[in-house]
């Protein structure tokens, strides 16, 4: 995803410009991964609620369809 690549490039570029502080870059990468995981969990919760609100059963949803929606929504 372009968004991920931009963030990772920014962090790695900063690390290369500040080699004596490279530990901070790893911390930033860890925080980014943590944030992305949280966003995915919140997205899934919202998607299930949307399905339920429209009368659909999330247990019957096809995983590739969910994945496709998630990739589209979370890419921005």
N, C-alpha and C. Protein backbone atom coordinates (compact mmCIF):
# COMPACT_ATOMS: atom_id res chain seq x y z
N UNK A 1 0.84 -1.17 0.00
CA UNK A 1 0.00 0.00 0.00
C UNK A 1 0.89 1.24 0.00
N UNK A 2 0.49 2.21 -0.77
CA UNK A 2 1.28 3.43 -0.89
C UNK A 2 1.43 4.15 0.44
N UNK A 3 0.35 4.17 1.22
CA UNK A 3 0.39 4.86 2.51
C UNK A 3 1.48 4.25 3.40
N UNK A 4 1.53 2.92 3.45
CA UNK A 4 2.54 2.24 4.27
C UNK A 4 3.95 2.54 3.76
N UNK A 5 4.12 2.47 2.46
CA UNK A 5 5.43 2.72 1.88
C UNK A 5 5.91 4.13 2.20
N UNK A 6 5.01 5.11 2.13
CA UNK A 6 5.39 6.50 2.44
C UNK A 6 5.86 6.63 3.88
N UNK A 7 5.11 6.04 4.81
CA UNK A 7 5.48 6.14 6.23
C UNK A 7 6.80 5.42 6.49
N UNK A 8 6.95 4.24 5.95
CA UNK A 8 8.18 3.47 6.16
C UNK A 8 9.37 4.21 5.56
N UNK A 9 9.22 4.74 4.35
CA UNK A 9 10.31 5.50 3.73
C UNK A 9 10.69 6.72 4.56
N UNK A 10 9.69 7.40 5.09
CA UNK A 10 9.96 8.57 5.93
C UNK A 10 10.77 8.18 7.16
N UNK A 11 10.37 7.09 7.82
CA UNK A 11 11.08 6.64 9.02
C UNK A 11 12.49 6.18 8.69
N UNK A 12 12.65 5.41 7.62
CA UNK A 12 13.98 4.92 7.24
C UNK A 12 14.87 6.07 6.80
N UNK A 13 14.34 7.03 6.07
CA UNK A 13 15.13 8.20 5.66
C UNK A 13 15.61 8.96 6.89
N UNK A 14 14.72 9.14 7.86
CA UNK A 14 15.12 9.82 9.09
C UNK A 14 16.23 9.06 9.78
N UNK A 15 16.10 7.70 9.80
CA UNK A 15 17.10 6.88 10.47
C UNK A 15 18.46 7.02 9.76
N UNK A 16 18.46 7.04 8.44
CA UNK A 16 19.71 7.18 7.70
C UNK A 16 20.34 8.55 7.91
N UNK A 17 19.50 9.58 8.08
CA UNK A 17 20.01 10.92 8.35
C UNK A 17 20.50 11.08 9.79
N UNK A 18 20.04 10.21 10.67
CA UNK A 18 20.38 10.29 12.10
C UNK A 18 20.83 8.92 12.60
N UNK A 19 21.96 8.40 12.10
CA UNK A 19 22.36 7.03 12.46
C UNK A 19 22.59 6.82 13.95
N UNK A 20 22.95 7.86 14.67
CA UNK A 20 23.18 7.71 16.10
C UNK A 20 21.88 7.56 16.89
N UNK A 21 20.74 7.79 16.22
CA UNK A 21 19.44 7.67 16.88
C UNK A 21 18.58 6.58 16.23
N UNK A 22 19.22 5.56 15.64
CA UNK A 22 18.47 4.55 14.89
C UNK A 22 17.48 3.78 15.75
N UNK A 23 17.74 3.68 17.04
CA UNK A 23 16.80 3.00 17.93
C UNK A 23 15.44 3.67 17.93
N UNK A 24 15.43 4.98 17.75
CA UNK A 24 14.17 5.72 17.69
C UNK A 24 13.38 5.34 16.44
N UNK A 25 14.08 5.03 15.35
CA UNK A 25 13.39 4.63 14.11
C UNK A 25 12.66 3.31 14.33
N UNK A 26 13.30 2.39 15.01
CA UNK A 26 12.64 1.11 15.30
C UNK A 26 11.41 1.31 16.17
N UNK A 27 11.52 2.21 17.12
CA UNK A 27 10.37 2.52 17.97
C UNK A 27 9.24 3.11 17.14
N UNK A 28 9.57 4.00 16.21
CA UNK A 28 8.56 4.60 15.34
C UNK A 28 7.90 3.53 14.46
N UNK A 29 8.69 2.59 13.95
CA UNK A 29 8.12 1.50 13.14
C UNK A 29 7.19 0.63 13.99
N UNK A 30 7.59 0.35 15.21
CA UNK A 30 6.73 -0.44 16.11
C UNK A 30 5.42 0.29 16.36
N UNK A 31 5.49 1.59 16.59
CA UNK A 31 4.27 2.38 16.83
C UNK A 31 3.39 2.38 15.58
N UNK A 32 3.99 2.48 14.42
CA UNK A 32 3.21 2.48 13.19
C UNK A 32 2.48 1.15 13.03
N UNK A 33 3.18 0.05 13.26
CA UNK A 33 2.55 -1.28 13.15
C UNK A 33 1.41 -1.40 14.16
N UNK A 34 1.63 -0.93 15.36
CA UNK A 34 0.59 -0.95 16.40
C UNK A 34 -0.63 -0.15 15.95
N UNK A 35 -0.40 1.02 15.38
CA UNK A 35 -1.50 1.86 14.91
C UNK A 35 -2.28 1.19 13.77
N UNK A 36 -1.56 0.55 12.86
CA UNK A 36 -2.20 -0.12 11.73
C UNK A 36 -3.06 -1.29 12.22
N UNK A 37 -2.55 -2.04 13.17
CA UNK A 37 -3.33 -3.14 13.74
C UNK A 37 -4.60 -2.61 14.40
N UNK A 38 -4.48 -1.55 15.17
CA UNK A 38 -5.66 -0.96 15.82
C UNK A 38 -6.67 -0.49 14.80
N UNK A 39 -6.19 0.16 13.75
CA UNK A 39 -7.09 0.65 12.71
C UNK A 39 -7.83 -0.51 12.05
N UNK A 40 -7.14 -1.63 11.82
CA UNK A 40 -7.78 -2.80 11.20
C UNK A 40 -8.86 -3.38 12.10
N UNK A 41 -8.60 -3.42 13.40
CA UNK A 41 -9.60 -3.95 14.33
C UNK A 41 -10.83 -3.04 14.36
N UNK A 42 -10.60 -1.73 14.44
CA UNK A 42 -11.72 -0.79 14.42
C UNK A 42 -12.50 -0.89 13.12
N UNK A 43 -11.79 -1.05 11.99
CA UNK A 43 -12.46 -1.16 10.70
C UNK A 43 -13.34 -2.40 10.68
N UNK A 44 -12.82 -3.53 11.17
CA UNK A 44 -13.59 -4.77 11.15
C UNK A 44 -14.83 -4.64 12.02
N UNK A 45 -14.71 -4.01 13.16
CA UNK A 45 -15.86 -3.80 14.03
C UNK A 45 -16.93 -2.97 13.31
N UNK A 46 -16.51 -1.89 12.67
CA UNK A 46 -17.45 -1.04 11.94
C UNK A 46 -18.09 -1.79 10.78
N UNK A 47 -17.31 -2.61 10.09
CA UNK A 47 -17.85 -3.38 8.96
C UNK A 47 -18.90 -4.37 9.44
N UNK A 48 -18.64 -5.05 10.54
CA UNK A 48 -19.62 -6.00 11.08
C UNK A 48 -20.89 -5.25 11.51
N UNK A 49 -20.73 -4.11 12.16
CA UNK A 49 -21.91 -3.33 12.57
C UNK A 49 -22.72 -2.89 11.35
N UNK A 50 -22.03 -2.48 10.29
CA UNK A 50 -22.72 -2.08 9.06
C UNK A 50 -23.49 -3.24 8.47
N UNK A 51 -22.89 -4.42 8.46
CA UNK A 51 -23.58 -5.61 7.95
C UNK A 51 -24.83 -5.91 8.78
N UNK A 52 -24.67 -5.86 10.08
CA UNK A 52 -25.81 -6.15 10.96
C UNK A 52 -26.92 -5.12 10.77
N UNK A 53 -26.55 -3.84 10.66
CA UNK A 53 -27.54 -2.78 10.46
C UNK A 53 -28.33 -2.97 9.16
N UNK A 54 -27.68 -3.54 8.15
CA UNK A 54 -28.37 -3.74 6.87
C UNK A 54 -29.06 -5.09 6.80
N UNK A 55 -29.05 -5.82 7.91
CA UNK A 55 -29.74 -7.11 7.96
C UNK A 55 -28.94 -8.29 7.46
N UNK A 56 -27.66 -8.08 7.17
CA UNK A 56 -26.80 -9.17 6.71
C UNK A 56 -26.18 -9.88 7.91
N UNK A 57 -25.81 -11.13 7.69
CA UNK A 57 -25.15 -11.93 8.73
C UNK A 57 -23.66 -11.96 8.43
N UNK A 58 -22.84 -11.31 9.28
CA UNK A 58 -21.40 -11.26 9.02
C UNK A 58 -20.75 -12.65 8.98
N UNK A 59 -21.39 -13.62 9.62
CA UNK A 59 -20.83 -14.98 9.60
C UNK A 59 -20.95 -15.60 8.22
N UNK A 60 -21.82 -15.06 7.40
CA UNK A 60 -22.02 -15.59 6.05
C UNK A 60 -21.19 -14.84 4.99
N UNK A 61 -20.51 -13.80 5.41
CA UNK A 61 -19.74 -12.98 4.47
C UNK A 61 -18.54 -13.76 3.94
N UNK A 62 -18.22 -13.53 2.69
CA UNK A 62 -17.06 -14.16 2.06
C UNK A 62 -15.81 -13.38 2.44
N UNK A 63 -14.81 -14.07 2.93
CA UNK A 63 -13.58 -13.42 3.38
C UNK A 63 -12.92 -12.61 2.26
N UNK A 64 -12.84 -13.11 1.02
CA UNK A 64 -12.23 -12.27 -0.03
C UNK A 64 -12.97 -10.94 -0.22
N UNK A 65 -14.29 -10.93 -0.04
CA UNK A 65 -15.04 -9.68 -0.16
C UNK A 65 -14.69 -8.72 0.99
N UNK A 66 -14.60 -9.25 2.19
CA UNK A 66 -14.23 -8.43 3.34
C UNK A 66 -12.82 -7.88 3.13
N UNK A 67 -11.92 -8.74 2.71
CA UNK A 67 -10.53 -8.34 2.50
C UNK A 67 -10.44 -7.22 1.45
N UNK A 68 -11.18 -7.37 0.38
CA UNK A 68 -11.16 -6.36 -0.68
C UNK A 68 -11.66 -5.01 -0.17
N UNK A 69 -12.75 -5.02 0.59
CA UNK A 69 -13.26 -3.76 1.17
C UNK A 69 -12.26 -3.15 2.13
N UNK A 70 -11.65 -3.99 2.94
CA UNK A 70 -10.67 -3.50 3.91
C UNK A 70 -9.47 -2.87 3.21
N UNK A 71 -8.96 -3.53 2.19
CA UNK A 71 -7.81 -3.00 1.48
C UNK A 71 -8.13 -1.65 0.82
N UNK A 72 -9.34 -1.54 0.32
CA UNK A 72 -9.76 -0.27 -0.30
C UNK A 72 -9.90 0.82 0.75
N UNK A 73 -10.60 0.53 1.82
CA UNK A 73 -10.86 1.54 2.86
C UNK A 73 -9.61 1.92 3.63
N UNK A 74 -8.76 0.97 3.94
CA UNK A 74 -7.60 1.23 4.78
C UNK A 74 -6.40 1.78 3.99
N UNK A 75 -6.50 1.79 2.69
CA UNK A 75 -5.39 2.28 1.86
C UNK A 75 -5.26 3.79 1.90
N UNK A 76 -6.29 4.47 2.38
CA UNK A 76 -6.24 5.94 2.36
C UNK A 76 -5.97 6.50 3.73
